[in-house]
Protein backbone atom coordinates (compact mmCIF):
# COMPACT_ATOMS: atom_id res chain seq x y z
CA MET A 1 0.00 0.00 0.00
CA ASN A 2 1.52 3.34 -1.05
CA PHE A 3 1.44 6.55 1.00
CA LYS A 4 -1.66 7.95 -0.74
CA GLN A 5 -3.57 4.71 -0.24
CA THR A 6 -2.53 4.63 3.42
CA ILE A 7 -3.79 8.15 4.04
CA THR A 8 -7.02 7.44 2.13
CA SER A 9 -7.60 4.30 4.19
CA ILE A 10 -7.06 6.19 7.45
CA ILE A 11 -9.48 8.93 6.38
CA SER A 12 -12.13 6.39 5.34
CA ASN A 13 -11.80 4.67 8.71
CA LEU A 14 -12.47 7.99 10.42
CA ILE A 15 -15.41 8.80 8.15
CA THR A 16 -17.08 5.47 8.87
CA SER A 17 -16.21 5.36 12.58
CA LEU A 18 -19.30 4.83 14.74
CA THR A 19 -17.35 6.21 17.70
CA LEU A 20 -16.64 9.44 15.84
CA GLN A 21 -20.28 9.59 14.77
CA ASP A 22 -21.35 9.35 18.41
CA ILE A 23 -18.91 12.12 19.39
CA LYS A 24 -20.28 14.36 16.64
CA ARG A 25 -23.84 13.73 17.73
CA ARG A 26 -22.97 14.63 21.33
CA TYR A 27 -21.26 17.80 20.13
CA PHE A 28 -24.33 18.91 18.17
CA GLU A 29 -26.55 18.17 21.14
CA LEU A 30 -24.32 20.13 23.53
CA GLN A 31 -24.23 23.02 21.06
CA ARG A 32 -28.00 22.97 20.67
CA ASN A 33 -28.54 22.99 24.44
CA PHE A 34 -25.99 25.78 24.94
CA LEU A 35 -27.68 27.98 22.34
CA GLY A 36 -31.18 27.08 23.53
CA GLN A 37 -32.22 25.87 20.10
CA ASP A 38 -35.04 23.52 19.15
CA HIS A 39 -34.53 20.25 17.31
CA ASN A 40 -34.71 21.40 13.69
CA ILE A 41 -35.07 19.07 10.71
CA HIS A 42 -34.30 20.52 7.28
CA PHE A 43 -36.06 18.96 4.28
CA PHE A 44 -34.94 19.81 0.74
CA PHE A 45 -37.85 19.46 -1.65
CA GLN A 46 -37.69 19.33 -5.45
CA MET A 47 -41.08 19.69 -7.10
CA ASP A 48 -40.41 17.34 -10.04
CA ASP A 49 -38.58 14.72 -7.96
CA PRO A 50 -40.88 11.74 -7.21
CA TYR A 51 -38.92 10.87 -4.06
CA SER A 52 -39.39 14.41 -2.71
CA TYR A 53 -43.13 14.05 -3.20
CA LEU A 54 -43.21 10.69 -1.43
CA ALA A 55 -41.20 12.05 1.50
CA SER A 56 -43.32 15.21 1.74
CA GLN A 57 -46.28 13.01 2.62
CA SER A 58 -44.52 12.09 5.88
CA LEU A 59 -43.80 15.62 7.11
CA GLU A 60 -47.00 16.26 9.06
CA LYS A 61 -46.81 12.81 10.63
CA LEU A 62 -43.22 13.46 11.62
CA ILE A 63 -44.14 16.68 13.41
CA HIS A 64 -47.11 15.07 15.14
CA SER A 65 -44.97 12.16 16.36
CA TYR A 66 -41.86 13.98 17.58
CA ASN A 67 -40.98 17.15 19.47
CA ILE A 68 -39.25 18.73 16.51
CA ASN A 69 -39.55 21.51 13.96
CA VAL A 70 -39.41 20.72 10.25
CA HIS A 71 -38.28 23.37 7.77
CA LEU A 72 -38.95 22.86 4.07
CA TYR A 73 -36.59 24.27 1.44
CA PRO A 74 -37.74 24.22 -2.19
CA VAL A 75 -34.72 23.55 -4.41
CA GLY A 76 -33.96 23.09 -8.08
CA GLU A 77 -32.42 20.15 -9.92
CA PRO A 78 -29.07 18.69 -8.81
CA ASP A 79 -26.01 19.59 -10.87
CA ASP A 80 -25.22 17.45 -13.92
CA ASN A 81 -22.12 15.92 -12.32
CA ALA A 82 -24.29 14.57 -9.48
CA VAL A 83 -26.76 12.90 -11.87
CA PRO A 84 -24.76 11.95 -15.00
CA GLU A 85 -27.71 10.07 -16.55
CA ARG A 86 -30.45 12.60 -15.78
CA ASN A 87 -33.04 11.40 -18.30
CA ALA A 88 -32.63 7.78 -17.24
CA LEU A 89 -32.96 8.82 -13.59
CA ILE A 90 -36.17 10.74 -14.27
CA ASP A 91 -37.75 7.84 -16.13
CA PHE A 92 -36.67 5.32 -13.53
CA SER A 93 -37.67 7.39 -10.50
CA ILE A 94 -41.23 7.85 -11.80
CA LYS A 95 -41.58 4.10 -12.39
CA ASP A 96 -39.91 3.24 -9.08
CA ALA A 97 -41.95 5.72 -7.04
CA ALA A 98 -45.18 4.21 -8.37
CA LYS A 99 -43.98 0.74 -7.34
CA ILE A 100 -42.83 1.56 -3.81
CA ALA A 101 -45.69 3.98 -3.02
CA TYR A 102 -48.04 1.00 -2.83
CA TYR A 103 -45.96 -0.66 -0.10
CA HIS A 104 -45.52 2.59 1.86
CA HIS A 105 -49.23 3.49 1.58
CA LEU A 106 -48.39 6.76 -0.15
CA ASP A 107 -49.68 8.48 -3.26
CA PHE A 108 -47.89 8.16 -6.57
CA GLY A 109 -50.14 7.04 -9.36
CA ASN A 110 -49.13 4.51 -12.00
CA ASP A 111 -50.37 7.01 -14.58
CA TYR A 112 -48.21 9.90 -13.36
CA LYS A 113 -45.92 11.40 -15.98
CA LEU A 114 -43.46 14.26 -15.70
CA PRO A 115 -45.36 17.55 -16.25
CA SER A 116 -43.92 20.42 -18.25
CA ILE A 117 -41.32 22.87 -16.99
CA SER A 118 -43.92 25.65 -17.06
CA LYS A 119 -46.21 23.69 -14.74
CA ARG A 120 -43.28 23.01 -12.44
CA LEU A 121 -42.62 26.72 -12.13
CA ILE A 122 -46.30 27.45 -11.39
CA ALA A 123 -46.30 24.78 -8.65
CA LEU A 124 -43.11 26.20 -7.16
CA ARG A 125 -44.55 29.70 -7.19
CA ALA A 126 -47.53 28.39 -5.24
CA LEU A 127 -45.27 26.64 -2.73
CA CYS A 128 -42.93 29.60 -2.28
CA ILE A 129 -45.79 31.89 -1.21
CA SER A 130 -47.42 29.31 1.05
CA LYS A 131 -47.80 30.25 4.73
CA ASP A 132 -47.72 26.57 5.72
CA PRO A 133 -45.38 24.78 3.29
CA ILE A 134 -45.15 21.64 5.45
CA VAL A 135 -48.85 21.04 4.92
CA ASP A 136 -49.15 22.50 1.44
CA ALA A 137 -46.12 20.84 -0.20
CA GLN A 138 -47.73 17.46 -0.68
CA HIS A 139 -51.04 18.95 -1.86
CA ILE A 140 -49.37 21.23 -4.39
CA ALA A 141 -47.16 18.36 -5.54
CA ARG A 142 -50.21 16.13 -5.97
CA LYS A 143 -51.79 18.76 -8.23
CA PHE A 144 -48.50 19.04 -10.11
CA TRP A 145 -48.09 15.30 -10.68
CA SER A 146 -51.79 15.02 -11.57
CA ASN A 147 -51.19 17.66 -14.26
CA ASP A 148 -53.94 19.83 -12.79
CA LYS A 149 -52.76 23.17 -14.14
CA ASP A 150 -56.06 24.94 -13.49
CA ALA A 151 -55.94 24.03 -9.79
CA LEU A 152 -52.38 25.33 -9.55
CA LEU A 153 -53.24 28.62 -11.30
CA ALA A 154 -56.16 29.11 -8.90
CA MET A 155 -53.73 29.30 -5.96
CA PRO A 156 -51.85 32.41 -4.80
CA LEU A 157 -48.54 32.62 -6.67
CA ALA A 158 -45.22 34.24 -5.85
CA SER A 159 -43.45 36.10 -8.63
CA GLU A 160 -41.20 34.11 -10.96
CA GLU A 161 -38.20 36.22 -9.98
CA SER A 162 -38.58 35.74 -6.23
CA THR A 163 -39.25 32.01 -6.72
CA LEU A 164 -36.12 31.44 -8.77
CA GLU A 165 -34.06 33.47 -6.30
CA ARG A 166 -35.35 31.36 -3.44
CA LEU A 167 -34.57 28.11 -5.26
CA GLU A 168 -31.01 29.24 -5.87
CA LYS A 169 -30.57 30.40 -2.29
CA ASN A 170 -31.86 27.11 -0.90
CA SER A 171 -29.72 25.08 -3.30
CA GLN A 172 -26.64 26.97 -2.14
CA TYR A 173 -27.63 26.34 1.47
CA ARG A 174 -27.91 22.61 0.76
CA LYS A 175 -24.47 22.70 -0.84
CA LYS A 176 -23.06 24.53 2.17
CA LEU A 177 -24.42 21.82 4.46
CA GLY A 178 -22.68 19.25 2.29
CA HIS A 179 -25.16 17.64 -0.10
CA TYR A 180 -26.28 17.63 -3.71
CA LEU A 181 -29.53 15.66 -3.88
CA SER A 182 -33.22 16.41 -3.33
CA GLY A 183 -35.72 14.60 -1.14
CA MET A 184 -33.14 14.80 1.65
CA PHE A 185 -33.63 15.29 5.38
CA TYR A 186 -30.80 16.96 7.28
CA TYR A 187 -30.46 16.88 11.03
CA ASP A 188 -27.37 18.04 12.94
CA GLY A 189 -24.61 16.85 10.64
CA GLU A 190 -26.28 13.82 9.05
CA TRP A 191 -28.34 13.24 5.90
CA TYR A 192 -31.28 10.91 5.31
CA TRP A 193 -32.61 10.22 1.81
CA GLY A 194 -36.39 10.22 1.55
CA ILE A 195 -38.61 7.46 2.87
CA ASP A 196 -35.83 4.89 2.37
CA ARG A 197 -33.65 6.45 5.08
CA LEU A 198 -36.38 8.02 7.22
CA PRO A 199 -36.22 5.09 9.70
CA TYR A 200 -32.64 6.09 10.53
CA LEU A 201 -33.78 9.62 11.34
CA GLU A 202 -36.58 8.30 13.50
CA GLU A 203 -34.15 6.00 15.29
CA ARG A 204 -31.94 8.98 16.10
CA LEU A 205 -34.86 11.07 17.33
CA GLU A 206 -36.03 8.16 19.48
CA LYS A 207 -32.59 7.92 21.14
CA LEU A 208 -32.96 11.59 22.08
CA ASN A 209 -36.33 10.82 23.70
CA LEU A 210 -38.11 13.10 21.25
CA ARG A 211 -40.97 10.79 20.38
CA LYS A 212 -44.26 12.04 21.80
CA ASN A 213 -46.31 9.93 24.18
CA GLN A 214 -48.39 7.25 22.48
CA ALA A 215 -46.78 8.02 19.10
CA SER A 216 -45.55 5.16 16.92
CA PRO A 217 -42.80 5.17 14.29
CA ILE A 218 -44.13 6.45 10.98
CA SER A 219 -41.68 4.54 8.79
CA GLY A 220 -39.80 1.27 8.63
CA PHE A 221 -37.34 -0.66 6.52
CA LYS A 222 -39.08 -2.91 4.04
CA LYS A 223 -38.51 -6.65 4.40
CA ASN A 224 -38.08 -9.30 1.76
CA ALA A 225 -41.17 -11.25 0.77
CA LYS A 226 -41.59 -14.75 2.13
CA PRO A 227 -40.96 -17.40 -0.52
CA ASN A 228 -43.76 -19.60 -1.81
CA LEU A 229 -42.10 -22.99 -1.70
CA LYS A 230 -45.02 -24.64 -3.49
CA LYS A 231 -44.47 -22.75 -6.75
CA ASP A 232 -41.59 -23.60 -9.10
CA LEU A 233 -39.77 -20.43 -10.18
CA SER A 234 -36.82 -22.15 -11.78
CA HIS A 235 -37.83 -20.62 -15.13
CA LEU A 236 -36.94 -17.17 -13.76
CA THR A 237 -33.49 -15.62 -13.62
CA ALA A 238 -32.35 -12.57 -11.66
CA GLU A 239 -29.50 -10.79 -13.39
CA CYS A 240 -27.50 -8.68 -10.96
CA PHE A 241 -25.32 -5.88 -12.33
CA ILE A 242 -22.52 -4.97 -9.92
CA SER A 243 -19.17 -3.23 -9.73
CA ILE A 244 -16.35 -4.24 -7.41
CA ARG A 245 -15.69 -0.54 -6.83
CA SER A 246 -19.23 0.05 -5.56
CA PRO A 247 -19.84 -0.15 -1.78
CA TYR A 248 -23.54 -0.80 -2.39
CA SER A 249 -22.71 -3.68 -4.76
CA TYR A 250 -20.58 -5.24 -2.05
CA LEU A 251 -23.35 -4.87 0.52
CA ALA A 252 -25.85 -6.41 -1.91
CA LEU A 253 -23.78 -9.43 -2.92
CA PRO A 254 -24.43 -11.67 0.13
CA GLU A 255 -28.17 -11.22 -0.30
CA ILE A 256 -27.97 -11.65 -4.08
CA LEU A 257 -26.11 -14.94 -3.72
CA GLY A 258 -28.83 -16.22 -1.41
CA LEU A 259 -31.71 -15.59 -3.80
CA SER A 260 -31.35 -18.91 -5.63
CA LYS A 261 -31.57 -21.00 -2.48
CA ILE A 262 -34.42 -19.02 -0.91
CA TYR A 263 -36.66 -18.44 -3.94
CA GLY A 264 -35.63 -21.26 -6.27
CA ILE A 265 -34.61 -18.93 -9.09
CA ASN A 266 -31.43 -18.68 -11.13
CA THR A 267 -29.04 -15.81 -10.47
CA ILE A 268 -26.42 -14.40 -12.80
CA ILE A 269 -23.82 -11.85 -11.70
CA ARG A 270 -23.06 -9.33 -14.47
CA PRO A 271 -20.16 -7.05 -13.49
CA VAL A 272 -19.57 -3.69 -15.15
CA MET A 273 -16.77 -1.17 -15.04
CA PRO A 274 -16.97 1.48 -12.28
CA MET A 275 -18.67 4.73 -13.28
CA VAL A 276 -15.46 6.74 -12.85
CA MET A 277 -13.60 4.33 -15.14
CA ARG A 278 -16.44 4.77 -17.66
CA GLY A 279 -15.84 8.53 -17.72
CA LEU A 280 -18.69 9.48 -15.36
CA ALA A 281 -17.51 11.82 -12.61
CA VAL A 282 -18.52 11.33 -8.97
CA PRO A 283 -18.41 14.61 -6.98
CA ARG A 284 -16.66 14.61 -3.60
CA ASP A 285 -19.82 15.27 -1.56
CA LYS A 286 -21.57 12.40 -3.37
CA ALA A 287 -18.70 9.99 -2.71
CA LEU A 288 -18.59 11.05 0.93
CA TYR A 289 -22.32 10.52 1.41
CA ILE A 290 -22.19 7.09 -0.24
CA VAL A 291 -19.46 5.88 2.11
CA LYS A 292 -21.26 7.18 5.20
CA ASP A 293 -24.58 5.77 4.08
CA ALA A 294 -23.02 2.42 3.20
CA LYS A 295 -21.57 2.24 6.70
CA ARG A 296 -24.93 2.62 8.46
CA GLU A 297 -26.53 0.18 6.02
CA SER A 298 -23.74 -2.34 6.64
CA HIS A 299 -24.30 -2.06 10.37
CA ARG A 300 -28.03 -2.69 9.96
CA ILE A 301 -27.67 -5.73 7.68
CA ASN A 302 -24.61 -7.07 9.49
CA VAL A 303 -22.08 -6.97 6.66
CA PRO A 304 -18.57 -5.82 7.69
CA PHE A 305 -17.60 -2.49 6.11
CA GLY A 306 -15.46 0.54 6.86
CA LYS A 307 -11.77 -0.33 6.67
CA ILE A 308 -11.45 0.70 3.04
CA ASN A 309 -8.81 0.54 0.35
CA ASP A 310 -10.53 1.94 -2.74
CA PRO A 311 -9.86 -0.53 -5.58
CA LEU A 312 -10.17 2.15 -8.27
CA GLY A 313 -7.72 1.68 -11.11
CA GLN A 314 -5.22 -1.18 -11.23
CA ALA A 315 -6.98 -3.20 -8.53
CA VAL A 316 -10.22 -3.22 -10.55
CA LEU A 317 -8.40 -4.26 -13.73
CA ARG A 318 -6.47 -7.07 -12.06
CA GLY A 319 -9.51 -8.17 -10.09
CA TYR A 320 -11.71 -8.41 -13.17
CA SER A 321 -9.01 -10.30 -15.08
CA LEU A 322 -9.71 -13.25 -12.76
CA TYR A 323 -13.47 -13.00 -13.26
CA PRO A 324 -13.65 -15.27 -16.38
CA PHE A 325 -11.81 -18.03 -14.47
CA SER A 326 -14.16 -17.80 -11.49
CA LYS A 327 -17.17 -17.76 -13.81
CA ALA A 328 -15.96 -20.86 -15.63
CA LYS A 329 -15.76 -22.57 -12.24
CA LYS A 330 -19.25 -21.27 -11.33
CA LYS A 331 -17.79 -19.34 -8.42
CA ASP A 332 -17.87 -15.83 -9.87
CA GLY A 333 -20.27 -14.46 -7.25
CA GLU A 334 -18.23 -15.91 -4.40
CA TYR A 335 -14.97 -14.57 -5.84
CA LEU A 336 -16.32 -11.07 -6.45
CA LEU A 337 -17.74 -11.00 -2.92
CA GLU A 338 -14.38 -11.99 -1.45
CA PHE A 339 -12.61 -9.34 -3.54
CA CYS A 340 -15.01 -6.70 -2.26
CA ARG A 341 -14.85 -7.92 1.34
CA LEU A 342 -11.06 -7.59 1.39
CA ALA A 343 -11.15 -4.12 -0.21
CA TRP A 344 -14.13 -2.66 1.65
CA SER A 345 -13.88 -4.21 5.10
CA GLN A 346 -10.24 -5.20 5.57
CA GLY A 347 -8.50 -2.37 3.74
CA LYS A 348 -6.46 -4.66 1.50
CA ASP A 349 -4.71 -3.33 -1.58
CA MET A 350 -6.36 -5.52 -4.19
CA SER A 351 -3.83 -4.65 -6.87
CA LEU A 352 -1.37 -6.90 -5.01
CA GLU A 353 -1.07 -10.51 -6.09
CA GLU A 354 -1.06 -11.81 -2.52
CA ASN A 355 -4.48 -10.27 -1.83
CA LEU A 356 -5.94 -11.52 -5.11
CA LYS A 357 -4.68 -14.96 -4.14
CA THR A 358 -6.52 -14.66 -0.82
CA ALA A 359 -9.75 -13.70 -2.60
CA ILE A 360 -9.45 -16.65 -4.98
CA GLU A 361 -8.73 -19.14 -2.22
CA ASN A 362 -11.47 -17.76 0.04
CA ALA A 363 -13.85 -18.54 -2.83
CA SER A 364 -12.61 -22.17 -2.76
CA LEU A 365 -10.74 -21.79 -6.02
CA ASP A 366 -7.22 -22.86 -6.96
CA TRP A 367 -4.71 -20.02 -7.17
CA TYR A 368 -2.33 -21.88 -9.48
CA GLU A 369 -5.09 -22.24 -12.07
CA ALA A 370 -6.41 -18.73 -11.54
CA LYS A 371 -2.99 -17.13 -11.93
CA GLN A 372 -2.91 -18.15 -15.58
CA TYR A 373 -5.68 -15.58 -16.18
CA LEU A 374 -4.14 -12.72 -14.21
CA ASP A 375 -3.71 -9.44 -16.12
CA ASN A 376 -5.36 -10.66 -19.32
CA ASP A 377 -8.05 -8.47 -20.89
CA ASP A 378 -10.42 -11.14 -22.20
CA TRP A 379 -13.06 -9.93 -19.74
CA LYS A 380 -13.51 -6.44 -21.18
CA GLU A 381 -15.88 -7.40 -23.99
CA ALA A 382 -18.21 -9.24 -21.59
CA LEU A 383 -18.34 -6.26 -19.24
CA GLU A 384 -19.15 -3.95 -22.13
CA VAL A 385 -22.02 -6.25 -23.14
CA ASN A 386 -23.27 -6.05 -19.55
CA ARG A 387 -23.09 -2.25 -19.62
CA GLN A 388 -25.05 -2.11 -22.86
CA GLN A 389 -27.77 -4.33 -21.40
CA LEU A 390 -27.91 -2.11 -18.34
CA ILE A 391 -28.53 0.94 -20.52
CA LYS A 392 -31.06 -0.96 -22.65
CA SER A 393 -33.05 -1.73 -19.49
CA GLY A 394 -33.19 1.98 -18.65
CA LEU A 395 -30.61 1.67 -15.89
CA TRP A 396 -27.10 3.02 -15.43
CA GLY A 397 -25.86 2.53 -11.86
CA VAL A 398 -25.11 -0.44 -9.67
CA PRO A 399 -26.26 -2.62 -8.18
CA SER A 400 -29.15 -3.09 -10.59
CA PHE A 401 -31.43 -6.07 -11.09
CA ARG A 402 -33.24 -7.55 -14.05
CA LEU A 403 -35.76 -10.39 -13.80
CA ILE A 404 -36.12 -12.44 -16.99
CA ASP A 405 -37.84 -15.66 -18.06
CA ASN A 406 -36.62 -18.60 -20.13
CA ASP A 407 -37.16 -16.61 -23.33
CA ASN A 408 -34.98 -13.76 -22.03
CA LYS A 409 -38.06 -11.58 -21.77
CA GLU A 410 -37.54 -8.82 -19.21
CA LEU A 411 -40.28 -9.00 -16.59
CA PHE A 412 -38.96 -6.44 -14.11
CA SER A 413 -35.93 -4.24 -13.55
CA THR A 414 -34.80 -1.96 -10.76
CA TRP A 415 -31.80 -0.18 -9.34
CA GLY A 416 -30.20 -0.09 -5.90
CA ARG A 417 -29.55 -2.39 -2.96
CA ASP A 418 -32.57 -0.66 -1.44
CA ARG A 419 -34.76 -2.47 -3.98
CA ILE A 420 -33.81 -6.10 -3.34
CA TRP A 421 -36.93 -6.28 -1.16
CA LEU A 422 -38.99 -5.06 -4.12
CA LEU A 423 -37.45 -7.74 -6.33
CA THR A 424 -38.49 -10.40 -3.81
CA HIS A 425 -42.04 -9.05 -3.70
CA GLU A 426 -42.10 -9.22 -7.49
CA LEU A 427 -41.06 -12.86 -7.18
CA GLN A 428 -43.84 -13.42 -4.67
CA HIS A 429 -46.40 -12.07 -7.12
CA TYR A 430 -45.11 -14.42 -9.80
CA SER A 431 -45.22 -17.35 -7.41
CA ASN A 432 -48.82 -16.51 -6.41
CA SER A 433 -50.07 -16.09 -9.96
CA LYS A 434 -51.70 -18.95 -11.84
CA ASP A 435 -49.57 -18.43 -14.93
CA GLN A 436 -46.04 -17.16 -15.31
CA GLY A 437 -47.05 -13.51 -15.46
CA GLY A 438 -46.60 -11.09 -12.64
CA TYR A 439 -48.55 -7.97 -11.82
CA GLN A 440 -48.69 -4.61 -13.50
């Protein structure tokens, strides 16, 4: 490990340290008490972001359940470098929001489509003049997503100039606090993305004894569907697109590898090159958030993570050169998991032959055989094919999942470790149906 890697590893250990997190939380609490401040939650709301709309439907419940204040900040779109595939993200988020809304008992209709920019501005003008934005945000957003322009025009509207100025001011404030995305909750140094991370915020508020008497949690992490052991699903295959440079891919791999045994389906691991090595930039604040978020997720799902040696560059190339060998031995998932475990939880420099040897042997493979493949580039074409399929399915990031049948017909696709539970519910619907079709 060179000097730069050593320093990076030390910094990542500090960033993901639960002890340091606890110290920071105590500092913010002492500061708040000293200044006599209330517990203030900041929510950054983007009108045309489906996840912002879903999260806005929890704001009133949050206030009624906890002794807190919630402040809503209308913001504009994230910068291009934070969302390199903006059009794909918009299309996916609309489809995804409609799927998950059902399970969260929230509104996002299957028929919702992205309204025009002019309607977005009208909705924002209505929100920016609202005297009670916490209450009004979800109602205005519902009119916006329902394409009810007349209802929006019937509301009091702020001027275009003042609205745009406010959006810019709030976006700069979000950036100052250290984030780039919308649908985000911020509370004393930590960020929580929409309804997917709201349980973490509630957990923190509960530890501070802020939950009101008789109040119950308003959110929860979704669980995988129970398998129907009576229905044969062996005609279905879950394709899992991952990158060994992605913390979320690493966290997803143990669960992915268990899908076959639990649900009786086939699983195929389809690795792709890291986004940065595909020419897609990842801003510093985005990378920092991902590492911090991956740490709390790893703690919840009990996967070791935090002692990091980023495999970007030579480690990725050498690691993938052994992928064809592991695939031929039907141990590709196990090998890629071991590679990631060493890089993301033990801080091993995976460009070194000794650490690649450990990964191979931990996957119950023979190093002498594997070494014959080391540093070849026969794998590149296969990874490019995987990338092209990812794009064809309307996806771009990892981990992503694609459910197909024996005829290679795509039945379902989704993105993110956060959606493995949704994949399992999709499988449950197929197992409960009389034919091989799922639900719409």
